[in-house]
Amino acid sequence: MPKGFLALVLHAHLPYVKHPEYDEFLEEDWYFEAATETYLPLLRVLEGLADDGVPHALNLVISPTLAAMMEDPHHQARLRRYLEKGLELARREVTRLASDPDLGPVARFYRERYRWLLDLYVNRYGQDLIGALRRLMERGGLEGMTCAATHGLLPVLRTHPEVVRAQVRVGAREFERHFGRRPRGIWLPECGYYEGVEEFLADEDLRYFIVDTHCLEAADPTPVHGVYAPVFTPAGVAAFGRDPESSRQVWSSKEGYPGDAYYREFYRDQGYDLPFDLVREFVQPTGLRKQTGLKYYRITGDVDLSGKKPYMPGAARERAAVHAGNFMFNRERQIEHLAGVLGRPPLVVAPYDAELFGHWWFEGPDFLDFLFRKTAYDQKIYEFITLSEYLRRCPTQQVAVPATGSWGDKGYFEVWVNGGNDYIYPHLHHAAGEMVRLCDEFPEAEGLKRRALNQCARELLLAQSSDWPFIMTTGTMVDYAHRRVREHVLRFLRLADQVRRDAVDGAWLADLEGRDGLFPDLDYRVFRRG
């Protein structure tokens, strides 16, 4: 028997961004970059572990908006084009740098990498990432989790309980539609918890969720085992707490592994370094530059971007192996200590944004591969475990109510509710109330009116995404975030007015369904009272 358990949880989420009205749209690159640098490499790592018979266990959250983009033919075709363009740029760079002893090898590395990624996406997965994930779940070792429908921050949407229920219910149903099974766990967006939300989870037979460290430590009554065992809420749904020590070692760009001098420098990209004539075809149609994914330099150390040294993929991979060993060693010592103190096998829950592994920390997928392999063969202190398997093995836990909070800065909701974004909430609450009233007024709509009401529900859900106020706070793509909230609310209000006047514009509705057509099984009555 192991002395303890380690649960690794990766939260894969992106907001729904689709703009078929443009040949290219900058914010669509969020998905293409993450698929290229995180989702495809991670899938291949997990397949390799399964193929080699390496024991492993991973919880992976696939948010409904991310899954919607994975299955959309629009995104599938554009991701293929994105990979093809990356390969073409890499080929040109190999020719240009053929005689460069420092950067030539890096260019050849990218050419081979894009060849591999394109073959993986088109030939191995048939452009179907949902299918690839489903097959991995069926093989075992990978446990999928869902999330609220559009990653709405539930504590600030609770003014209308119907909204919280809809976000949770649609999230659970979308997971089942994609993966052919009901989800056992849910990622509360931003780990945002308030007392009572677990009742909506229980209604969907969701058995567990994750809260930040302070939310579990301040639970009522105080958890006897701290964050190293879950608690059952009065509704019977388990709450797991984040372990701060393992989080810090990976999250922190200063204290953690991603800041190592040999790892790839994220902020130095050929889209900005190359003369414009050489990169014209690979940046924005407006002529503005953007990241291409070809990054030739390593972090190097405490120097400005111009002082970075050339990236060395082999050396970086070696560092990933060293850091995986260090992470394993630290978990061994941590779990040995906790087992002695607690008198029972502790559970260390280590949740991260999935996009950290590959997109922000390029070597992250290699790190995970090394970590699973080293854990399986080089130690006997702890065992990787999924959260539902832990509950199956350890079904008796303390009953407590976590404290309200999130994993955002300062632990509460200031990131999403502040002077730069709080203007959106009166509009979101008003639209939510209108949606509930529309369900009262039209309990059994049919035909065009039903389609319009379903689209009202989509527009409201999309407006509620926590990504928009987050972007407003962090200062990246702020105009786009304001635009998205405004457009979804205005579309909702116009559709609601047309429904009430029995004057639905069918052509305009069809256009909206093409742009914002996620959740094809959505029934507007998910917002009805009771």
Protein backbone atom coordinates (compact mmCIF):
# COMPACT_ATOMS: atom_id res chain seq x y z
CA MET A 1 0.00 0.00 0.00
CA PRO A 2 1.32 3.47 -0.80
CA LYS A 3 1.87 5.93 2.01
CA GLY A 4 -0.22 8.50 0.18
CA PHE A 5 -1.75 9.66 -3.09
CA LEU A 6 -1.12 12.38 -5.66
CA ALA A 7 -3.97 13.66 -7.83
CA LEU A 8 -2.92 15.74 -10.81
CA VAL A 9 -5.72 17.87 -12.26
CA LEU A 10 -5.37 19.83 -15.50
CA HIS A 11 -8.05 22.40 -16.29
CA ALA A 12 -8.32 22.84 -20.08
CA HIS A 13 -10.45 25.84 -20.93
CA LEU A 14 -10.69 28.65 -23.46
CA PRO A 15 -13.56 31.04 -24.16
CA TYR A 16 -15.64 30.36 -27.25
CA VAL A 17 -14.23 32.44 -30.10
CA LYS A 18 -15.56 31.98 -33.62
CA HIS A 19 -15.54 34.55 -36.42
CA PRO A 20 -16.48 32.99 -39.76
CA GLU A 21 -17.13 36.48 -41.10
CA TYR A 22 -13.35 36.98 -41.32
CA ASP A 23 -10.78 34.88 -43.18
CA GLU A 24 -8.50 35.24 -40.16
CA PHE A 25 -9.20 36.59 -36.70
CA LEU A 26 -6.48 37.18 -34.12
CA GLU A 27 -8.39 35.94 -31.07
CA GLU A 28 -9.11 32.62 -32.79
CA ASP A 29 -5.38 31.99 -32.44
CA TRP A 30 -5.93 31.41 -28.72
CA TYR A 31 -7.36 28.02 -29.58
CA PHE A 32 -4.90 27.21 -32.36
CA GLU A 33 -1.90 28.04 -30.17
CA ALA A 34 -3.21 25.96 -27.27
CA ALA A 35 -4.06 23.02 -29.53
CA THR A 36 -0.61 23.14 -31.15
CA GLU A 37 1.42 23.53 -27.98
CA THR A 38 -0.72 21.84 -25.31
CA TYR A 39 -3.62 19.65 -26.45
CA LEU A 40 -1.89 17.71 -29.24
CA PRO A 41 1.36 17.10 -27.30
CA LEU A 42 -0.58 16.15 -24.17
CA LEU A 43 -2.72 13.68 -26.07
CA ARG A 44 0.38 12.04 -27.48
CA VAL A 45 2.02 11.84 -24.05
CA LEU A 46 -1.05 10.10 -22.60
CA GLU A 47 -1.27 7.74 -25.56
CA GLY A 48 2.41 6.88 -25.16
CA LEU A 49 1.93 6.07 -21.49
CA ALA A 50 -1.05 3.84 -22.28
CA ASP A 51 0.76 2.15 -25.19
CA ASP A 52 3.77 1.42 -22.97
CA GLY A 53 1.66 0.11 -20.10
CA VAL A 54 2.90 2.82 -17.72
CA PRO A 55 0.55 3.19 -14.72
CA HIS A 56 -0.82 6.73 -14.67
CA ALA A 57 -3.85 8.65 -13.49
CA LEU A 58 -4.88 12.15 -14.54
CA ASN A 59 -7.98 14.28 -14.13
CA LEU A 60 -8.52 16.45 -17.20
CA VAL A 61 -11.19 19.13 -17.33
CA ILE A 62 -12.50 19.82 -20.84
CA SER A 63 -14.66 22.92 -20.59
CA PRO A 64 -17.82 22.90 -22.74
CA THR A 65 -16.68 25.93 -24.74
CA LEU A 66 -13.34 24.28 -25.52
CA ALA A 67 -15.08 21.05 -26.51
CA ALA A 68 -17.41 23.05 -28.76
CA MET A 69 -14.43 24.47 -30.64
CA MET A 70 -12.76 21.06 -30.87
CA GLU A 71 -15.84 19.60 -32.62
CA ASP A 72 -16.65 22.59 -34.86
CA PRO A 73 -15.70 22.05 -38.54
CA HIS A 74 -14.80 25.75 -38.70
CA HIS A 75 -12.15 25.38 -36.01
CA GLN A 76 -11.02 22.00 -37.31
CA ALA A 77 -10.28 23.40 -40.76
CA ARG A 78 -8.61 26.53 -39.45
CA LEU A 79 -6.43 24.59 -37.01
CA ARG A 80 -5.19 22.49 -39.92
CA ARG A 81 -4.44 25.67 -41.88
CA TYR A 82 -2.64 27.12 -38.84
CA LEU A 83 -0.40 24.03 -38.64
CA GLU A 84 0.26 24.09 -42.38
CA LYS A 85 1.31 27.74 -42.22
CA GLY A 86 3.56 27.04 -39.27
CA LEU A 87 5.23 24.23 -41.23
CA GLU A 88 5.69 26.47 -44.27
CA LEU A 89 7.34 29.21 -42.22
CA ALA A 90 9.57 26.65 -40.53
CA ARG A 91 10.65 25.26 -43.93
CA ARG A 92 11.58 28.72 -45.12
CA GLU A 93 13.49 29.36 -41.93
CA VAL A 94 15.47 26.13 -42.37
CA THR A 95 16.60 27.38 -45.77
CA ARG A 96 17.40 30.86 -44.51
CA LEU A 97 19.38 29.62 -41.51
CA ALA A 98 21.05 26.61 -43.15
CA SER A 99 24.54 27.90 -42.36
CA ASP A 100 23.78 29.39 -38.95
CA PRO A 101 25.38 27.12 -36.31
CA ASP A 102 23.21 28.47 -33.47
CA LEU A 103 19.75 29.06 -34.96
CA GLY A 104 19.87 26.55 -37.82
CA PRO A 105 19.33 23.57 -35.48
CA VAL A 106 16.40 25.36 -33.83
CA ALA A 107 14.75 26.02 -37.20
CA ARG A 108 15.14 22.35 -38.13
CA PHE A 109 13.62 21.38 -34.77
CA TYR A 110 10.51 23.42 -35.57
CA ARG A 111 10.23 22.01 -39.06
CA GLU A 112 10.20 18.47 -37.71
CA ARG A 113 7.87 19.42 -34.90
CA TYR A 114 5.29 20.96 -37.24
CA ARG A 115 5.52 17.93 -39.54
CA TRP A 116 4.83 15.73 -36.53
CA LEU A 117 1.95 17.88 -35.26
CA LEU A 118 0.28 18.08 -38.66
CA ASP A 119 0.53 14.33 -39.15
CA LEU A 120 -0.78 13.76 -35.64
CA TYR A 121 -3.77 16.04 -36.11
CA VAL A 122 -4.76 15.06 -39.65
CA ASN A 123 -3.75 11.42 -40.00
CA ARG A 124 -3.77 9.99 -36.49
CA TYR A 125 -6.74 11.92 -35.06
CA GLY A 126 -8.63 12.78 -38.24
CA GLN A 127 -8.95 16.37 -36.94
CA ASP A 128 -11.17 14.97 -34.17
CA LEU A 129 -9.67 15.84 -30.78
CA ILE A 130 -12.90 14.95 -28.97
CA GLY A 131 -12.72 11.44 -30.38
CA ALA A 132 -9.07 11.12 -29.35
CA LEU A 133 -9.92 12.18 -25.80
CA ARG A 134 -12.89 9.82 -25.66
CA ARG A 135 -10.71 6.87 -26.67
CA LEU A 136 -8.16 7.75 -23.98
CA MET A 137 -10.88 7.88 -21.33
CA GLU A 138 -12.08 4.46 -22.45
CA ARG A 139 -8.55 3.02 -22.10
CA GLY A 140 -8.34 4.13 -18.47
CA GLY A 141 -5.86 6.37 -16.69
CA LEU A 142 -7.61 9.54 -17.88
CA GLU A 143 -10.69 10.79 -16.05
CA GLY A 144 -12.58 13.60 -17.71
CA MET A 145 -14.28 16.38 -15.78
CA THR A 146 -16.74 18.98 -16.93
CA CYS A 147 -17.08 22.67 -16.14
CA ALA A 148 -19.90 25.18 -16.08
CA ALA A 149 -21.28 25.77 -19.57
CA THR A 150 -19.36 28.93 -20.46
CA HIS A 151 -17.11 29.20 -17.40
CA GLY A 152 -19.45 31.64 -15.68
CA LEU A 153 -18.27 32.66 -12.21
CA LEU A 154 -21.13 31.12 -10.25
CA PRO A 155 -20.85 33.12 -6.98
CA VAL A 156 -21.45 36.39 -8.82
CA LEU A 157 -24.27 34.92 -10.94
CA ARG A 158 -26.22 33.49 -8.01
CA THR A 159 -28.66 36.45 -8.01
CA HIS A 160 -30.72 34.17 -10.23
CA PRO A 161 -30.43 30.54 -9.08
CA GLU A 162 -31.76 29.50 -12.48
CA VAL A 163 -28.51 30.76 -14.02
CA VAL A 164 -26.33 28.65 -11.74
CA ARG A 165 -28.47 25.60 -12.43
CA ALA A 166 -28.31 26.22 -16.19
CA GLN A 167 -24.53 26.69 -16.22
CA VAL A 168 -24.07 23.42 -14.29
CA ARG A 169 -26.71 21.41 -16.14
CA VAL A 170 -25.56 22.40 -19.61
CA GLY A 171 -21.96 21.65 -18.63
CA ALA A 172 -22.89 18.14 -17.48
CA ARG A 173 -25.05 17.40 -20.51
CA GLU A 174 -22.44 18.64 -22.97
CA PHE A 175 -19.83 16.37 -21.41
CA GLU A 176 -22.16 13.41 -21.78
CA ARG A 177 -22.91 14.31 -25.41
CA HIS A 178 -19.21 14.50 -26.29
CA PHE A 179 -17.84 11.58 -24.29
CA GLY A 180 -20.77 9.20 -23.94
CA ARG A 181 -20.73 9.16 -20.13
CA ARG A 182 -21.94 11.34 -17.31
CA PRO A 183 -19.17 13.32 -15.62
CA ARG A 184 -18.38 12.47 -12.02
CA GLY A 185 -16.66 15.74 -11.20
CA ILE A 186 -16.89 19.40 -12.13
CA TRP A 187 -14.41 22.25 -12.14
CA LEU A 188 -16.14 25.25 -10.62
CA PRO A 189 -14.99 28.17 -12.81
CA GLU A 190 -12.06 29.96 -11.15
CA CYS A 191 -12.60 27.46 -8.27
CA GLY A 192 -15.36 29.89 -7.29
CA TYR A 193 -17.39 28.43 -4.43
CA TYR A 194 -20.30 29.68 -2.33
CA GLU A 195 -22.35 27.74 0.16
CA GLY A 196 -25.26 26.07 -1.60
CA VAL A 197 -23.75 25.65 -5.07
CA GLU A 198 -23.19 21.98 -4.25
CA GLU A 199 -26.96 21.42 -4.30
CA PHE A 200 -26.99 22.17 -8.03
CA LEU A 201 -24.08 19.76 -8.47
CA ALA A 202 -25.88 17.02 -6.59
CA ASP A 203 -28.92 17.48 -8.85
CA GLU A 204 -26.70 16.51 -11.80
CA ASP A 205 -25.14 13.58 -9.90
CA LEU A 206 -21.77 15.34 -9.80
CA ARG A 207 -19.80 13.85 -6.95
CA TYR A 208 -16.88 16.24 -6.41
CA PHE A 209 -15.34 19.64 -7.10
CA ILE A 210 -12.15 21.51 -6.17
CA VAL A 211 -11.69 24.61 -4.04
CA ASP A 212 -8.64 26.71 -3.30
CA THR A 213 -6.57 26.07 -0.20
CA HIS A 214 -8.05 28.76 2.01
CA CYS A 215 -11.62 27.75 1.20
CA LEU A 216 -11.07 24.27 2.61
CA GLU A 217 -8.85 25.35 5.51
CA ALA A 218 -11.56 27.79 6.62
CA ALA A 219 -14.40 25.28 6.23
CA ASP A 220 -16.98 24.88 9.00
CA PRO A 221 -16.14 22.83 10.99
CA THR A 222 -12.38 22.99 10.47
CA PRO A 223 -11.20 19.94 8.48
CA VAL A 224 -9.22 17.61 10.70
CA HIS A 225 -6.86 16.70 7.87
CA GLY A 226 -6.53 20.15 6.31
CA VAL A 227 -6.38 20.07 2.52
CA TYR A 228 -4.97 16.53 2.49
CA ALA A 229 -8.36 14.83 2.48
CA PRO A 230 -11.64 15.95 0.95
CA VAL A 231 -14.73 16.87 2.93
CA PHE A 232 -18.28 15.95 2.08
CA THR A 233 -20.65 18.88 1.91
CA PRO A 234 -24.13 18.41 3.43
CA ALA A 235 -25.44 17.73 -0.10
CA GLY A 236 -23.12 14.73 -0.30
CA VAL A 237 -20.74 16.24 -2.90
CA ALA A 238 -17.03 16.08 -2.02
CA ALA A 239 -14.81 19.18 -1.96
CA PHE A 240 -11.08 18.70 -2.59
CA GLY A 241 -8.59 21.41 -1.63
CA ARG A 242 -5.57 22.57 -3.60
CA ASP A 243 -2.13 21.76 -2.16
CA PRO A 244 -0.10 25.01 -2.11
CA GLU A 245 3.35 23.43 -2.08
CA SER A 246 3.05 21.40 -5.28
CA SER A 247 1.26 24.29 -6.97
CA ARG A 248 4.02 26.76 -6.23
CA GLN A 249 6.74 24.51 -7.65
CA VAL A 250 5.09 24.47 -11.06
CA TRP A 251 3.05 27.67 -11.24
CA SER A 252 5.65 30.20 -10.20
CA SER A 253 7.77 31.60 -13.05
CA LYS A 254 10.34 32.75 -10.46
CA GLU A 255 10.38 29.98 -7.85
CA GLY A 256 9.04 27.22 -10.06
CA TYR A 257 10.47 25.07 -12.80
CA PRO A 258 9.16 27.10 -15.80
CA GLY A 259 11.65 29.88 -15.03
CA ASP A 260 14.70 27.68 -15.66
CA ALA A 261 17.33 29.31 -17.88
CA TYR A 262 17.29 26.44 -20.41
CA TYR A 263 13.58 26.49 -21.09
CA ARG A 264 12.11 28.21 -24.11
CA GLU A 265 11.49 31.95 -23.85
CA PHE A 266 7.80 32.59 -24.51
CA TYR A 267 8.06 36.31 -25.30
CA ARG A 268 10.68 36.15 -28.07
CA ASP A 269 8.97 35.12 -31.31
CA GLN A 270 9.96 35.25 -34.98
CA GLY A 271 6.72 37.03 -35.76
CA TYR A 272 8.37 40.09 -34.23
CA ASP A 273 12.05 39.32 -34.85
CA LEU A 274 12.02 38.67 -38.60
CA PRO A 275 12.08 41.45 -41.20
CA PHE A 276 8.51 42.15 -42.18
CA ASP A 277 8.92 40.99 -45.78
CA LEU A 278 9.86 37.53 -44.51
CA VAL A 279 6.92 37.21 -42.15
CA ARG A 280 4.23 39.13 -44.07
CA GLU A 281 2.23 36.00 -44.98
CA PHE A 282 2.27 34.70 -41.40
CA VAL A 283 1.04 37.68 -39.39
CA GLN A 284 -2.25 39.56 -39.36
CA PRO A 285 -3.92 40.57 -42.65
CA THR A 286 -3.84 44.17 -41.33
CA GLY A 287 -0.04 44.05 -41.37
CA LEU A 288 0.23 44.00 -37.60
CA ARG A 289 2.64 41.42 -36.25
CA LYS A 290 1.70 38.50 -34.06
CA GLN A 291 3.25 35.38 -32.53
CA THR A 292 3.99 32.59 -34.99
CA GLY A 293 5.02 29.88 -32.52
CA LEU A 294 8.62 29.87 -33.77
CA LYS A 295 10.62 30.92 -30.73
CA TYR A 296 14.39 30.57 -31.12
CA TYR A 297 15.65 31.61 -27.72
CA ARG A 298 15.77 30.30 -24.18
CA ILE A 299 15.01 32.11 -20.95
CA THR A 300 18.76 32.44 -20.31
CA GLY A 301 18.45 34.26 -17.00
CA ASP A 302 17.91 37.77 -15.74
CA VAL A 303 18.54 39.53 -19.05
CA ASP A 304 16.28 41.53 -21.34
CA LEU A 305 14.80 39.93 -24.46
CA SER A 306 17.65 41.11 -26.69
CA GLY A 307 20.20 39.24 -24.57
CA LYS A 308 18.61 35.79 -24.81
CA LYS A 309 20.73 32.84 -25.96
CA PRO A 310 19.64 30.31 -28.60
CA TYR A 311 17.23 27.59 -27.52
CA MET A 312 18.63 24.06 -27.23
CA PRO A 313 15.74 21.55 -27.33
CA GLY A 314 17.86 18.62 -26.11
CA ALA A 315 19.18 20.50 -23.10
CA ALA A 316 15.68 21.74 -22.27
CA ARG A 317 14.32 18.20 -22.38
CA GLU A 318 17.07 17.08 -20.01
CA ARG A 319 16.07 19.83 -17.60
CA ALA A 320 12.44 18.63 -17.78
CA ALA A 321 13.62 15.17 -16.73
CA VAL A 322 15.60 16.63 -13.82
CA HIS A 323 12.64 18.73 -12.68
CA ALA A 324 10.29 15.76 -12.92
CA GLY A 325 12.64 13.85 -10.64
CA ASN A 326 12.80 16.77 -8.23
CA PHE A 327 9.01 17.09 -8.17
CA MET A 328 8.70 13.36 -7.48
CA PHE A 329 11.30 13.56 -4.69
CA ASN A 330 9.52 16.51 -3.07
CA ARG A 331 6.18 14.68 -3.18
CA GLU A 332 7.79 11.62 -1.60
CA ARG A 333 9.14 13.65 1.30
CA GLN A 334 5.92 15.66 1.63
CA ILE A 335 3.71 12.57 1.67
CA GLU A 336 5.97 10.69 4.08
CA HIS A 337 5.82 13.64 6.47
CA LEU A 338 2.06 14.08 6.15
CA ALA A 339 1.41 10.36 6.64
CA GLY A 340 3.32 10.49 9.91
CA VAL A 341 1.49 13.59 11.12
CA LEU A 342 -2.02 12.59 10.01
CA GLY A 343 -1.83 8.90 10.79
CA ARG A 344 -3.45 8.05 7.46
CA PRO A 345 -2.48 8.20 3.76
CA PRO A 346 -2.69 11.85 2.69
CA LEU A 347 -4.01 13.02 -0.66
CA VAL A 348 -2.07 15.81 -2.40
CA VAL A 349 -4.26 17.54 -5.01
CA ALA A 350 -2.26 19.49 -7.60
CA PRO A 351 -4.50 21.43 -9.99
CA TYR A 352 -3.16 23.57 -12.85
CA ASP A 353 -4.36 25.25 -16.00
CA ALA A 354 -3.66 22.71 -18.73
CA GLU A 355 -2.35 25.42 -21.04
CA LEU A 356 0.58 25.96 -18.66
CA PHE A 357 1.96 22.66 -19.95
CA GLY A 358 3.13 23.39 -23.48
CA HIS A 359 1.80 26.85 -24.25
CA TRP A 360 3.34 28.85 -21.42
CA TRP A 361 5.86 26.22 -20.36
CA PHE A 362 6.87 24.64 -23.65
CA GLU A 363 8.58 21.66 -22.00
CA GLY A 364 5.59 20.98 -19.72
CA PRO A 365 4.32 17.90 -21.64
CA ASP A 366 7.81 16.38 -21.45
CA PHE A 367 7.82 17.08 -17.72
CA LEU A 368 4.51 15.22 -17.30
CA ASP A 369 5.75 12.29 -19.36
CA PHE A 370 8.91 11.97 -17.26
CA LEU A 371 6.94 12.43 -14.04
CA PHE A 372 4.49 9.61 -14.73
CA ARG A 373 7.26 7.25 -15.85
CA LYS A 374 9.55 8.04 -12.92
CA THR A 375 6.69 7.75 -10.42
CA ALA A 376 5.70 4.34 -11.80
CA TYR A 377 9.19 2.82 -11.64
CA ASP A 378 11.50 4.87 -9.40
CA GLN A 379 9.58 5.18 -6.13
CA LYS A 380 7.10 3.37 -3.89
CA ILE A 381 5.95 6.13 -1.53
CA TYR A 382 2.90 7.48 -3.36
CA GLU A 383 0.52 6.52 -6.13
CA PHE A 384 -1.13 8.69 -8.76
CA ILE A 385 -4.90 8.54 -8.40
CA THR A 386 -7.97 10.12 -9.96
CA LEU A 387 -10.39 11.95 -7.70
CA SER A 388 -13.30 9.58 -8.26
CA GLU A 389 -11.04 6.57 -7.61
CA TYR A 390 -9.93 8.17 -4.34
CA LEU A 391 -13.56 8.55 -3.26
CA ARG A 392 -14.22 4.93 -4.19
CA ARG A 393 -11.32 3.74 -2.05
CA CYS A 394 -11.94 6.19 0.80
CA PRO A 395 -15.72 6.68 0.95
CA THR A 396 -15.84 7.94 4.54
CA GLN A 397 -14.83 11.55 5.04
CA GLN A 398 -15.60 14.46 7.36
CA VAL A 399 -18.69 16.57 6.65
CA ALA A 400 -18.02 20.31 6.39
CA VAL A 401 -18.96 23.42 4.42
CA PRO A 402 -16.09 25.18 2.62
CA ALA A 403 -15.68 28.94 2.90
CA THR A 404 -16.62 31.23 0.03
CA GLY A 405 -13.75 32.11 -2.30
CA SER A 406 -11.83 31.42 -5.49
CA TRP A 407 -8.29 30.72 -6.64
CA GLY A 408 -7.99 34.25 -8.01
CA ASP A 409 -5.68 36.95 -6.70
CA LYS A 410 -6.37 37.58 -2.98
CA GLY A 411 -8.60 34.52 -2.87
CA TYR A 412 -11.98 36.04 -3.60
CA PHE A 413 -13.61 37.77 -6.59
CA GLU A 414 -11.79 41.07 -7.04
CA VAL A 415 -10.27 39.95 -10.35
CA TRP A 416 -13.75 39.60 -11.86
CA VAL A 417 -15.60 42.35 -9.98
CA ASN A 418 -13.79 45.68 -9.83
CA GLY A 419 -14.01 49.20 -11.12
CA GLY A 420 -12.84 48.19 -14.58
CA ASN A 421 -15.49 45.57 -15.24
CA ASP A 422 -18.30 45.73 -12.69
CA TYR A 423 -20.54 47.65 -15.10
CA ILE A 424 -21.32 44.38 -16.90
CA TYR A 425 -23.16 42.73 -14.01
CA PRO A 426 -26.36 44.82 -13.93
CA HIS A 427 -26.75 43.98 -17.63
CA LEU A 428 -26.05 40.28 -17.06
CA HIS A 429 -28.52 40.16 -14.16
CA HIS A 430 -31.17 41.99 -16.16
CA ALA A 431 -30.76 39.60 -19.09
CA ALA A 432 -30.92 36.63 -16.71
CA GLY A 433 -34.20 37.86 -15.28
CA GLU A 434 -35.54 38.35 -18.79
CA MET A 435 -34.54 34.80 -19.74
CA VAL A 436 -36.43 33.40 -16.75
CA ARG A 437 -39.48 35.49 -17.66
CA LEU A 438 -39.31 34.30 -21.28
CA CYS A 439 -39.54 30.74 -20.01
CA ASP A 440 -42.65 31.73 -18.04
CA GLU A 441 -44.21 33.46 -21.05
CA PHE A 442 -43.39 30.77 -23.63
CA PRO A 443 -43.26 27.42 -21.82
CA GLU A 444 -43.73 25.33 -24.98
CA ALA A 445 -42.51 27.41 -27.93
CA GLU A 446 -42.15 25.73 -31.32
CA GLY A 447 -40.60 26.42 -34.71
CA LEU A 448 -38.82 29.70 -35.33
CA LYS A 449 -39.78 31.06 -31.91
CA ARG A 450 -38.21 28.05 -30.19
CA ARG A 451 -35.00 28.49 -32.18
CA ALA A 452 -34.92 32.15 -31.19
CA LEU A 453 -35.39 31.32 -27.52
CA ASN A 454 -32.66 28.69 -27.69
CA GLN A 455 -30.39 31.32 -29.21
CA CYS A 456 -31.34 33.72 -26.42
CA ALA A 457 -30.09 31.11 -23.99
CA ARG A 458 -26.81 30.74 -25.92
CA GLU A 459 -26.21 34.48 -26.06
CA LEU A 460 -26.85 34.84 -22.32
CA LEU A 461 -24.52 31.97 -21.46
CA LEU A 462 -21.77 33.39 -23.69
CA ALA A 463 -22.11 36.83 -22.10
CA GLN A 464 -21.67 35.27 -18.65
CA SER A 465 -18.19 33.86 -19.31
CA SER A 466 -15.70 34.78 -16.57
CA ASP A 467 -13.06 35.22 -19.27
CA TRP A 468 -14.37 38.63 -20.31
CA PRO A 469 -14.06 40.41 -16.93
CA PHE A 470 -10.75 38.60 -16.37
CA ILE A 471 -9.36 40.00 -19.62
CA MET A 472 -10.62 43.45 -18.70
CA THR A 473 -8.63 43.25 -15.47
CA THR A 474 -5.41 41.82 -16.90
CA GLY A 475 -5.32 44.34 -19.73
CA THR A 476 -4.95 41.97 -22.70
CA MET A 477 -7.40 42.25 -25.62
CA VAL A 478 -9.56 44.51 -23.46
CA ASP A 479 -11.55 46.02 -26.33
CA TYR A 480 -12.43 42.55 -27.56
CA ALA A 481 -13.68 41.50 -24.11
CA HIS A 482 -15.90 44.59 -23.81
CA ARG A 483 -17.18 43.97 -27.32
CA ARG A 484 -18.08 40.35 -26.61
CA VAL A 485 -20.18 41.16 -23.53
CA ARG A 486 -21.88 44.04 -25.28
CA GLU A 487 -22.69 42.08 -28.45
CA HIS A 488 -24.07 39.03 -26.65
CA VAL A 489 -26.30 41.12 -24.39
CA LEU A 490 -27.56 43.21 -27.31
CA ARG A 491 -28.26 40.11 -29.39
CA PHE A 492 -30.14 38.60 -26.47
CA LEU A 493 -32.27 41.70 -25.97
CA ARG A 494 -33.09 42.03 -29.67
CA LEU A 495 -34.06 38.37 -29.94
CA ALA A 496 -36.19 38.59 -26.80
CA ASP A 497 -38.02 41.59 -28.23
CA GLN A 498 -38.62 39.80 -31.54
CA VAL A 499 -39.97 36.74 -29.75
CA ARG A 500 -42.40 38.84 -27.75
CA ARG A 501 -43.58 40.68 -30.86
CA ASP A 502 -43.83 37.41 -32.80
CA ALA A 503 -41.52 39.00 -35.39
CA VAL A 504 -38.38 36.85 -35.38
CA ASP A 505 -35.99 37.76 -38.20
CA GLY A 506 -35.22 34.29 -39.56
CA ALA A 507 -32.24 35.32 -41.68
CA TRP A 508 -30.57 37.16 -38.80
CA LEU A 509 -31.29 34.27 -36.45
CA ALA A 510 -29.68 31.82 -38.87
CA ASP A 511 -26.59 34.04 -39.02
CA LEU A 512 -26.38 34.05 -35.20
CA GLU A 513 -26.77 30.28 -35.11
CA GLY A 514 -23.82 30.04 -37.49
CA ARG A 515 -21.65 32.30 -35.35
CA ASP A 516 -22.73 31.25 -31.88
CA GLY A 517 -24.07 27.78 -32.58
CA LEU A 518 -22.43 25.87 -29.74
CA PHE A 519 -24.46 23.49 -27.54
CA PRO A 520 -26.65 22.07 -30.34
CA ASP A 521 -28.95 20.27 -27.87
CA LEU A 522 -29.54 23.37 -25.74
CA ASP A 523 -33.15 23.79 -24.62
CA TYR A 524 -34.00 27.34 -23.46
CA ARG A 525 -36.19 25.87 -20.70
CA VAL A 526 -33.06 25.02 -18.75
CA PHE A 527 -33.56 28.55 -17.34
CA ARG A 528 -37.13 28.01 -16.15
CA ARG A 529 -38.02 28.42 -12.49
CA GLY A 530 -38.09 25.57 -10.02
